[in-house]
Amino acid sequence: MPTIAGLRRRGVTPEALRDFVARVGVAKNISTVDIALLSTPCARISIAARRA
């Protein structure tokens, strides 16, 4: 999974990251989360973001 800084560079808004973390949850166990969860309709992408 990309880093938070990389996601921000690609235009993912802080609100979308907060929503993603709220949906996935926080756990002490190592787990894998599908990146498709971030690309749902509630993931907002900023049009003005600098994309690498």
C-alpha atoms as a PDB file:
ATOM      1  CA  MET A   1       0.000   0.000   0.000  1.00  0.00           C
ATOM      2  CA  PRO A   2       1.284   3.486  -0.779  1.00  0.00           C
ATOM      3  CA  THR A   3       2.390   5.811   1.979  1.00  0.00           C
ATOM      4  CA  ILE A   4       0.160   8.582   3.309  1.00  0.00           C
ATOM      5  CA  ALA A   5       2.441  11.170   1.723  1.00  0.00           C
ATOM      6  CA  GLY A   6       2.127   9.374  -1.618  1.00  0.00           C
ATOM      7  CA  LEU A   7      -1.647   9.278  -1.344  1.00  0.00           C
ATOM      8  CA  ARG A   8      -1.715  13.008  -0.566  1.00  0.00           C
ATOM      9  CA  ARG A   9       0.505  13.708  -3.615  1.00  0.00           C
ATOM     10  CA  ARG A  10      -1.998  11.801  -5.741  1.00  0.00           C
ATOM     11  CA  GLY A  11      -4.812  14.033  -4.544  1.00  0.00           C
ATOM     12  CA  VAL A  12      -6.511  11.980  -1.821  1.00  0.00           C
ATOM     13  CA  THR A  13      -8.037  14.424   0.654  1.00  0.00           C
ATOM     14  CA  PRO A  14      -7.528  14.228   4.433  1.00  0.00           C
ATOM     15  CA  GLU A  15     -11.262  13.583   4.861  1.00  0.00           C
ATOM     16  CA  ALA A  16     -11.051  10.561   2.561  1.00  0.00           C
ATOM     17  CA  LEU A  17      -8.097   9.182   4.557  1.00  0.00           C
ATOM     18  CA  ARG A  18     -10.014   9.650   7.823  1.00  0.00           C
ATOM     19  CA  ASP A  19     -13.059   7.879   6.365  1.00  0.00           C
ATOM     20  CA  PHE A  20     -10.844   5.020   5.146  1.00  0.00           C
ATOM     21  CA  VAL A  21      -9.258   4.542   8.578  1.00  0.00           C
ATOM     22  CA  ALA A  22     -12.664   4.693  10.268  1.00  0.00           C
ATOM     23  CA  ARG A  23     -14.025   1.982   7.956  1.00  0.00           C
ATOM     24  CA  VAL A  24     -10.984  -0.288   8.227  1.00  0.00           C
ATOM     25  CA  GLY A  25     -10.401   0.228  11.939  1.00  0.00           C
ATOM     26  CA  VAL A  26      -7.253  -0.070  14.007  1.00  0.00           C
ATOM     27  CA  ALA A  27      -5.929  -3.387  15.321  1.00  0.00           C
ATOM     28  CA  LYS A  28      -2.773  -4.784  16.854  1.00  0.00           C
ATOM     29  CA  ASN A  29      -2.757  -7.755  14.456  1.00  0.00           C
ATOM     30  CA  ILE A  30      -1.006  -7.540  11.110  1.00  0.00           C
ATOM     31  CA  SER A  31      -3.626  -7.538   8.381  1.00  0.00           C
ATOM     32  CA  THR A  32      -3.978  -6.795   4.695  1.00  0.00           C
ATOM     33  CA  VAL A  33      -6.538  -4.309   3.438  1.00  0.00           C
ATOM     34  CA  ASP A  34      -7.611  -4.141  -0.183  1.00  0.00           C
ATOM     35  CA  ILE A  35      -6.678  -0.821  -1.798  1.00  0.00           C
ATOM     36  CA  ALA A  36     -10.081  -0.881  -3.521  1.00  0.00           C
ATOM     37  CA  LEU A  37     -11.609   0.267  -0.221  1.00  0.00           C
ATOM     38  CA  LEU A  38      -9.903   3.598  -0.761  1.00  0.00           C
ATOM     39  CA  SER A  39     -11.272   3.997  -4.281  1.00  0.00           C
ATOM     40  CA  THR A  40     -14.917   3.838  -3.243  1.00  0.00           C
ATOM     41  CA  PRO A  41     -17.254   6.759  -3.998  1.00  0.00           C
ATOM     42  CA  CYS A  42     -16.585   8.320  -0.586  1.00  0.00           C
ATOM     43  CA  ALA A  43     -12.864   8.684  -1.400  1.00  0.00           C
ATOM     44  CA  ARG A  44     -12.592  12.283  -2.473  1.00  0.00           C
ATOM     45  CA  ILE A  45      -9.759  13.277  -4.774  1.00  0.00           C
ATOM     46  CA  SER A  46      -8.655  16.869  -5.039  1.00  0.00           C
ATOM     47  CA  ILE A  47      -8.503  18.213  -8.572  1.00  0.00           C
ATOM     48  CA  ALA A  48      -5.920  20.846  -7.601  1.00  0.00           C
ATOM     49  CA  ALA A  49      -3.434  18.344  -6.109  1.00  0.00           C
ATOM     50  CA  ARG A  50       0.066  18.101  -7.552  1.00  0.00           C
ATOM     51  CA  ARG A  51       0.303  14.601  -9.023  1.00  0.00           C
ATOM     52  CA  ALA A  52       3.605  12.817  -9.382  1.00  0.00           C
END
